[in-house]
N, C-alpha and C. Protein backbone atom coordinates (compact mmCIF):
# COMPACT_ATOMS: atom_id res chain seq x y z
N MET A 1 78.88 100.28 102.24
CA MET A 1 79.35 99.51 103.35
C MET A 1 80.24 100.39 104.22
N THR A 2 80.12 100.25 105.51
CA THR A 2 80.97 100.95 106.46
C THR A 2 82.22 100.13 106.70
N ILE A 3 83.38 100.77 106.60
CA ILE A 3 84.65 100.08 106.80
C ILE A 3 84.86 99.81 108.28
N SER A 4 85.42 98.66 108.61
CA SER A 4 85.71 98.28 110.00
C SER A 4 86.61 99.30 110.67
N ASN A 5 86.34 99.55 111.95
CA ASN A 5 87.26 100.39 112.73
C ASN A 5 88.51 99.59 113.05
N LEU A 6 89.59 100.29 113.28
CA LEU A 6 90.86 99.66 113.62
C LEU A 6 90.87 99.37 115.11
N ASP A 7 90.23 98.28 115.50
CA ASP A 7 90.17 97.85 116.90
C ASP A 7 91.24 96.80 117.13
N TYR A 8 91.89 96.86 118.27
CA TYR A 8 92.93 95.89 118.58
C TYR A 8 92.97 95.63 120.08
N GLU A 9 93.66 94.57 120.44
CA GLU A 9 93.84 94.23 121.85
C GLU A 9 95.17 93.49 121.99
N LYS A 10 95.68 93.46 123.21
CA LYS A 10 96.91 92.70 123.46
C LYS A 10 96.63 91.24 123.22
N SER A 11 97.59 90.57 122.60
CA SER A 11 97.38 89.16 122.24
C SER A 11 97.46 88.23 123.43
N GLY A 12 98.15 88.63 124.49
CA GLY A 12 98.32 87.76 125.65
C GLY A 12 99.40 86.73 125.45
N ILE A 13 99.97 86.68 124.27
CA ILE A 13 101.03 85.70 123.97
C ILE A 13 102.40 86.27 124.31
N GLU A 14 102.61 87.52 123.96
CA GLU A 14 103.91 88.14 124.16
C GLU A 14 103.69 89.62 124.49
N ALA A 15 104.54 90.17 125.34
CA ALA A 15 104.42 91.58 125.70
C ALA A 15 104.50 92.45 124.46
N ASN A 16 103.71 93.50 124.42
CA ASN A 16 103.68 94.48 123.33
C ASN A 16 103.31 93.86 121.98
N THR A 17 102.53 92.81 122.00
CA THR A 17 102.02 92.21 120.77
C THR A 17 100.51 92.42 120.73
N TYR A 18 100.03 92.93 119.61
CA TYR A 18 98.62 93.24 119.47
C TYR A 18 98.01 92.47 118.31
N VAL A 19 96.72 92.19 118.41
CA VAL A 19 96.00 91.55 117.33
C VAL A 19 94.85 92.46 116.90
N PHE A 20 94.49 92.36 115.63
CA PHE A 20 93.44 93.20 115.05
C PHE A 20 92.29 92.33 114.59
N ASP A 21 91.08 92.88 114.62
CA ASP A 21 89.95 92.20 114.00
C ASP A 21 90.17 92.21 112.49
N GLN A 22 89.68 91.18 111.82
CA GLN A 22 89.78 91.16 110.37
C GLN A 22 88.91 92.26 109.78
N SER A 23 89.43 92.95 108.80
CA SER A 23 88.68 94.00 108.13
C SER A 23 87.51 93.42 107.34
N ASN A 24 86.48 94.22 107.16
CA ASN A 24 85.39 93.81 106.29
C ASN A 24 85.57 94.40 104.89
N THR A 25 86.72 95.05 104.66
CA THR A 25 87.03 95.64 103.35
C THR A 25 88.45 95.24 102.97
N ILE A 26 88.56 94.11 102.25
CA ILE A 26 89.86 93.59 101.83
C ILE A 26 89.88 93.50 100.31
N TYR A 27 90.86 94.16 99.71
CA TYR A 27 91.04 94.11 98.26
C TYR A 27 92.17 93.15 97.93
N ALA A 28 92.16 92.58 96.74
CA ALA A 28 93.27 91.77 96.24
C ALA A 28 93.69 92.33 94.88
N VAL A 29 94.99 92.52 94.72
CA VAL A 29 95.56 92.98 93.46
C VAL A 29 96.46 91.87 92.94
N VAL A 30 96.18 91.38 91.74
CA VAL A 30 96.98 90.34 91.12
C VAL A 30 97.84 91.01 90.05
N LEU A 31 99.15 91.01 90.31
CA LEU A 31 100.09 91.68 89.41
C LEU A 31 100.80 90.69 88.50
N GLU A 32 100.97 91.10 87.26
CA GLU A 32 101.89 90.40 86.36
C GLU A 32 103.27 91.01 86.59
N ALA A 33 104.31 90.28 86.30
CA ALA A 33 105.67 90.78 86.51
C ALA A 33 105.89 92.11 85.79
N SER A 34 106.43 93.06 86.52
CA SER A 34 106.81 94.38 85.99
C SER A 34 105.66 95.14 85.34
N THR A 35 104.43 94.89 85.79
CA THR A 35 103.25 95.58 85.25
C THR A 35 102.54 96.30 86.39
N GLU A 36 102.45 97.61 86.29
CA GLU A 36 101.82 98.44 87.34
C GLU A 36 100.32 98.28 87.32
N ASP A 37 99.72 98.36 88.50
CA ASP A 37 98.27 98.37 88.63
C ASP A 37 97.91 99.29 89.78
N SER A 38 96.77 99.98 89.67
CA SER A 38 96.33 100.93 90.70
C SER A 38 94.92 100.59 91.15
N ILE A 39 94.62 100.97 92.40
CA ILE A 39 93.26 100.83 92.92
C ILE A 39 92.84 102.16 93.53
N THR A 40 91.54 102.36 93.61
CA THR A 40 90.99 103.52 94.29
C THR A 40 90.78 103.17 95.76
N ILE A 41 91.22 104.02 96.65
CA ILE A 41 91.05 103.81 98.08
C ILE A 41 89.58 103.99 98.42
N PRO A 42 88.98 103.05 99.14
CA PRO A 42 87.55 103.18 99.45
C PRO A 42 87.26 104.35 100.38
N ALA A 43 86.12 104.98 100.18
CA ALA A 43 85.70 106.11 101.03
C ALA A 43 85.66 105.67 102.49
N GLY A 44 86.15 106.50 103.36
CA GLY A 44 86.14 106.23 104.79
C GLY A 44 87.36 105.49 105.31
N ALA A 45 88.23 105.04 104.41
CA ALA A 45 89.43 104.32 104.84
C ALA A 45 90.45 105.29 105.42
N ALA A 46 91.10 104.88 106.51
CA ALA A 46 92.14 105.69 107.14
C ALA A 46 93.49 105.00 107.13
N VAL A 47 93.49 103.67 107.20
CA VAL A 47 94.72 102.89 107.27
C VAL A 47 94.58 101.67 106.36
N ALA A 48 95.70 101.27 105.74
CA ALA A 48 95.73 100.05 104.94
C ALA A 48 96.88 99.17 105.42
N PHE A 49 96.60 97.86 105.53
CA PHE A 49 97.62 96.87 105.86
C PHE A 49 97.82 95.98 104.64
N PHE A 50 99.07 95.63 104.35
CA PHE A 50 99.41 94.87 103.15
C PHE A 50 100.01 93.51 103.48
N ALA A 51 99.70 92.51 102.65
CA ALA A 51 100.36 91.21 102.67
C ALA A 51 100.54 90.82 101.21
N ALA A 52 101.64 90.14 100.90
CA ALA A 52 101.91 89.82 99.49
C ALA A 52 102.68 88.51 99.36
N THR A 53 102.57 87.92 98.19
CA THR A 53 103.27 86.68 97.91
C THR A 53 104.68 86.90 97.40
N ALA A 54 105.07 88.16 97.17
CA ALA A 54 106.42 88.51 96.71
C ALA A 54 106.67 89.98 97.04
N PRO A 55 107.92 90.41 97.04
CA PRO A 55 108.19 91.84 97.26
C PRO A 55 107.51 92.69 96.18
N PHE A 56 107.06 93.89 96.59
CA PHE A 56 106.39 94.80 95.67
C PHE A 56 106.75 96.24 96.04
N TYR A 57 106.49 97.15 95.12
CA TYR A 57 106.67 98.58 95.36
C TYR A 57 105.29 99.22 95.36
N MET A 58 105.09 100.22 96.23
CA MET A 58 103.80 100.89 96.36
C MET A 58 104.02 102.40 96.42
N LEU A 59 103.09 103.13 95.83
CA LEU A 59 103.10 104.60 95.88
C LEU A 59 101.67 105.09 95.99
N THR A 60 101.43 106.04 96.90
CA THR A 60 100.10 106.64 97.00
C THR A 60 100.00 107.81 96.05
N ASP A 61 98.82 107.95 95.43
CA ASP A 61 98.52 109.08 94.55
C ASP A 61 99.59 109.34 93.49
N GLY A 62 100.07 108.26 92.89
CA GLY A 62 101.07 108.36 91.83
C GLY A 62 101.17 107.01 91.14
N THR A 63 102.22 106.81 90.36
CA THR A 63 102.44 105.55 89.67
C THR A 63 103.69 104.89 90.22
N ALA A 64 103.52 103.72 90.84
CA ALA A 64 104.65 102.99 91.41
C ALA A 64 105.62 102.59 90.30
N ALA A 65 106.90 102.58 90.66
CA ALA A 65 107.93 102.19 89.70
C ALA A 65 109.02 101.40 90.40
N ILE A 66 109.62 100.48 89.67
CA ILE A 66 110.76 99.73 90.16
C ILE A 66 112.00 100.58 89.89
N PRO A 67 112.73 100.98 90.90
CA PRO A 67 113.89 101.84 90.65
C PRO A 67 114.99 101.09 89.90
N VAL A 68 115.59 101.77 88.95
CA VAL A 68 116.71 101.22 88.20
C VAL A 68 117.98 102.04 88.43
N ALA A 69 117.84 103.09 89.23
CA ALA A 69 118.96 103.95 89.62
C ALA A 69 118.58 104.62 90.93
N ASN A 70 119.51 105.34 91.53
CA ASN A 70 119.21 106.07 92.76
C ASN A 70 118.05 107.04 92.53
N VAL A 71 117.18 107.16 93.52
CA VAL A 71 116.10 108.14 93.51
C VAL A 71 116.31 108.98 94.75
N GLU A 72 116.79 110.20 94.58
CA GLU A 72 117.20 111.03 95.70
C GLU A 72 116.40 112.32 95.82
N ASP A 73 115.21 112.34 95.20
CA ASP A 73 114.35 113.52 95.28
C ASP A 73 113.10 113.27 96.12
N GLY A 74 113.05 112.10 96.78
CA GLY A 74 111.91 111.79 97.65
C GLY A 74 110.73 111.17 96.95
N SER A 75 110.85 110.86 95.67
CA SER A 75 109.70 110.37 94.91
C SER A 75 109.68 108.86 94.69
N ALA A 76 110.59 108.13 95.31
CA ALA A 76 110.66 106.68 95.10
C ALA A 76 109.42 105.97 95.64
N SER A 77 109.11 104.84 95.06
CA SER A 77 108.05 103.98 95.58
C SER A 77 108.60 103.22 96.78
N GLU A 78 107.73 102.91 97.74
CA GLU A 78 108.14 102.19 98.94
C GLU A 78 108.10 100.69 98.68
N ILE A 79 109.12 99.97 99.15
CA ILE A 79 109.16 98.52 98.92
C ILE A 79 108.48 97.78 100.07
N SER A 80 107.52 96.98 99.70
CA SER A 80 106.80 96.06 100.61
C SER A 80 106.43 96.67 101.96
N PRO A 81 105.68 97.79 101.96
CA PRO A 81 105.25 98.33 103.25
C PRO A 81 104.29 97.35 103.93
N THR A 82 104.27 97.37 105.25
CA THR A 82 103.31 96.53 105.97
C THR A 82 102.01 97.28 106.20
N SER A 83 102.10 98.63 106.28
CA SER A 83 100.90 99.44 106.46
C SER A 83 101.20 100.87 106.06
N THR A 84 100.14 101.63 105.86
CA THR A 84 100.28 103.06 105.59
C THR A 84 98.96 103.77 105.88
N ARG A 85 99.05 105.04 106.24
CA ARG A 85 97.84 105.85 106.39
C ARG A 85 97.35 106.23 105.00
N VAL A 86 96.04 106.11 104.79
CA VAL A 86 95.47 106.44 103.48
C VAL A 86 94.42 107.54 103.55
N ARG A 87 94.10 108.01 104.76
CA ARG A 87 93.12 109.09 104.90
C ARG A 87 93.58 110.28 104.05
N GLY A 88 92.67 110.81 103.24
CA GLY A 88 92.99 111.96 102.40
C GLY A 88 93.70 111.60 101.10
N ARG A 89 93.95 110.34 100.86
CA ARG A 89 94.59 109.88 99.62
C ARG A 89 93.52 109.31 98.70
N SER A 90 93.85 109.22 97.41
CA SER A 90 92.87 108.73 96.42
C SER A 90 93.18 107.35 95.88
N THR A 91 94.47 107.08 95.59
CA THR A 91 94.82 105.82 94.94
C THR A 91 96.06 105.19 95.56
N LEU A 92 96.19 103.88 95.34
CA LEU A 92 97.40 103.13 95.66
C LEU A 92 97.85 102.47 94.36
N SER A 93 99.13 102.60 94.06
CA SER A 93 99.71 102.02 92.85
C SER A 93 100.73 100.97 93.26
N PHE A 94 100.77 99.85 92.53
CA PHE A 94 101.65 98.74 92.86
C PHE A 94 102.40 98.24 91.63
N ILE A 95 103.59 97.72 91.86
CA ILE A 95 104.35 97.03 90.81
C ILE A 95 105.30 96.06 91.50
N SER A 96 105.62 94.97 90.82
CA SER A 96 106.54 93.96 91.36
C SER A 96 107.41 93.43 90.24
N GLU A 97 108.62 93.01 90.61
CA GLU A 97 109.51 92.42 89.60
C GLU A 97 109.05 91.03 89.17
N GLN A 98 108.20 90.41 89.98
CA GLN A 98 107.66 89.10 89.63
C GLN A 98 106.15 89.09 89.83
N ALA A 99 105.49 88.16 89.21
CA ALA A 99 104.04 88.04 89.37
C ALA A 99 103.74 87.78 90.84
N CYS A 100 102.72 88.44 91.37
CA CYS A 100 102.36 88.24 92.77
C CYS A 100 100.93 88.70 93.03
N THR A 101 100.45 88.36 94.22
CA THR A 101 99.16 88.83 94.69
C THR A 101 99.37 89.63 95.96
N ILE A 102 98.74 90.78 96.03
CA ILE A 102 98.81 91.66 97.21
C ILE A 102 97.41 91.78 97.77
N THR A 103 97.24 91.58 99.08
CA THR A 103 95.96 91.87 99.71
C THR A 103 96.11 93.15 100.51
N ILE A 104 95.07 93.96 100.49
CA ILE A 104 95.04 95.24 101.19
C ILE A 104 93.82 95.24 102.10
N SER A 105 94.06 95.33 103.40
CA SER A 105 92.98 95.38 104.39
C SER A 105 92.82 96.83 104.82
N PHE A 106 91.65 97.39 104.57
CA PHE A 106 91.39 98.79 104.90
C PHE A 106 90.63 98.89 106.23
N TYR A 107 90.98 99.91 107.00
CA TYR A 107 90.32 100.19 108.28
C TYR A 107 90.01 101.68 108.38
N ALA A 108 88.96 102.01 109.10
CA ALA A 108 88.62 103.40 109.41
C ALA A 108 89.08 103.70 110.84
N GLY A 109 89.03 104.95 111.22
CA GLY A 109 89.20 105.33 112.61
C GLY A 109 90.58 105.27 113.19
N ALA A 110 91.60 105.50 112.40
CA ALA A 110 92.96 105.52 112.96
C ALA A 110 93.61 106.85 112.70
């Protein structure tokens, strides 16, 4: 399957507000509390958008972790990102302090 291009247009509702077509490649990750899970990024994906039922941590090409102390070496997992570039990456790892569902909408061409 070919992943949807990241096409958008002004919404017409508010200045500088854009809307996107729904992706044809949407994954769902169902997490148990404090249990990491990873997915493989689909071939051709360039950008991923996230929505979740609870806060979560995400890391590309590694294992996401919930920090329990300062992480000052640049290796911390990102908390509840709304989007990220995934071109050239292999995996996305997720973890949450509570059970939740995360949807990931992948797009090509960004």
